[in-house]
Amino acid sequence: MAETTTPGELIEEAHHGHSERTPAIALTGVFVAVSIVVAVVAGVALLVYYVA
């Protein structure tokens, strides 16, 4: 059965950097952050386009 890992445990694991999963954890965090920024910018651009 798979072990459940909390977000806090993942952050600690990535911070220490002693795991094989560290690059995947870090890249996932970067992907999520960049995706949020892109979504916000696209949303603002669409609002400006359709409202103006």
Protein backbone atom coordinates (compact mmCIF):
# COMPACT_ATOMS: atom_id res chain seq x y z
CA MET A 1 0.00 0.00 0.00
CA ALA A 2 1.27 3.49 -0.86
CA GLU A 3 2.40 5.81 1.89
CA THR A 4 0.60 9.16 2.10
CA THR A 5 2.90 12.18 2.25
CA THR A 6 1.69 15.58 3.46
CA PRO A 7 2.70 18.80 1.70
CA GLY A 8 4.75 19.81 4.74
CA GLU A 9 6.72 16.57 4.58
CA LEU A 10 7.37 17.14 0.85
CA ILE A 11 8.66 20.65 1.54
CA GLU A 12 11.02 19.33 4.22
CA GLU A 13 12.20 16.55 1.91
CA ALA A 14 12.89 19.00 -0.93
CA HIS A 15 14.58 21.43 1.46
CA HIS A 16 17.04 18.81 2.71
CA GLY A 17 17.69 17.51 -0.82
CA HIS A 18 18.74 14.01 0.21
CA SER A 19 16.08 12.14 -1.74
CA GLU A 20 15.78 10.83 -5.29
CA ARG A 21 12.39 12.58 -5.43
CA THR A 22 13.80 16.05 -4.71
CA PRO A 23 14.12 17.17 -8.38
CA ALA A 24 10.56 16.02 -9.14
CA ILE A 25 9.20 17.79 -6.05
CA ALA A 26 11.02 21.02 -6.92
CA LEU A 27 9.98 20.95 -10.59
CA THR A 28 6.37 20.30 -9.63
CA GLY A 29 6.43 23.32 -7.31
CA VAL A 30 7.90 25.52 -10.03
CA PHE A 31 5.33 24.24 -12.55
CA VAL A 32 2.44 25.00 -10.21
CA ALA A 33 3.74 28.51 -9.44
CA VAL A 34 4.32 29.37 -13.10
CA SER A 35 0.92 27.95 -14.05
CA ILE A 36 -0.80 30.17 -11.49
CA VAL A 37 1.00 33.26 -12.81
CA VAL A 38 0.11 32.40 -16.41
CA ALA A 39 -3.54 31.80 -15.48
CA VAL A 40 -3.78 35.15 -13.69
CA VAL A 41 -2.14 37.05 -16.57
CA ALA A 42 -4.37 35.30 -19.13
CA GLY A 43 -7.44 36.07 -17.04
CA VAL A 44 -6.54 39.75 -16.75
CA ALA A 45 -5.78 39.93 -20.49
CA LEU A 46 -9.16 38.39 -21.36
CA LEU A 47 -10.96 40.78 -19.01
CA VAL A 48 -9.21 43.78 -20.54
CA TYR A 49 -9.93 42.52 -24.08
CA TYR A 50 -13.64 41.86 -23.57
CA VAL A 51 -14.46 44.76 -21.24
CA ALA A 52 -12.59 47.49 -23.11
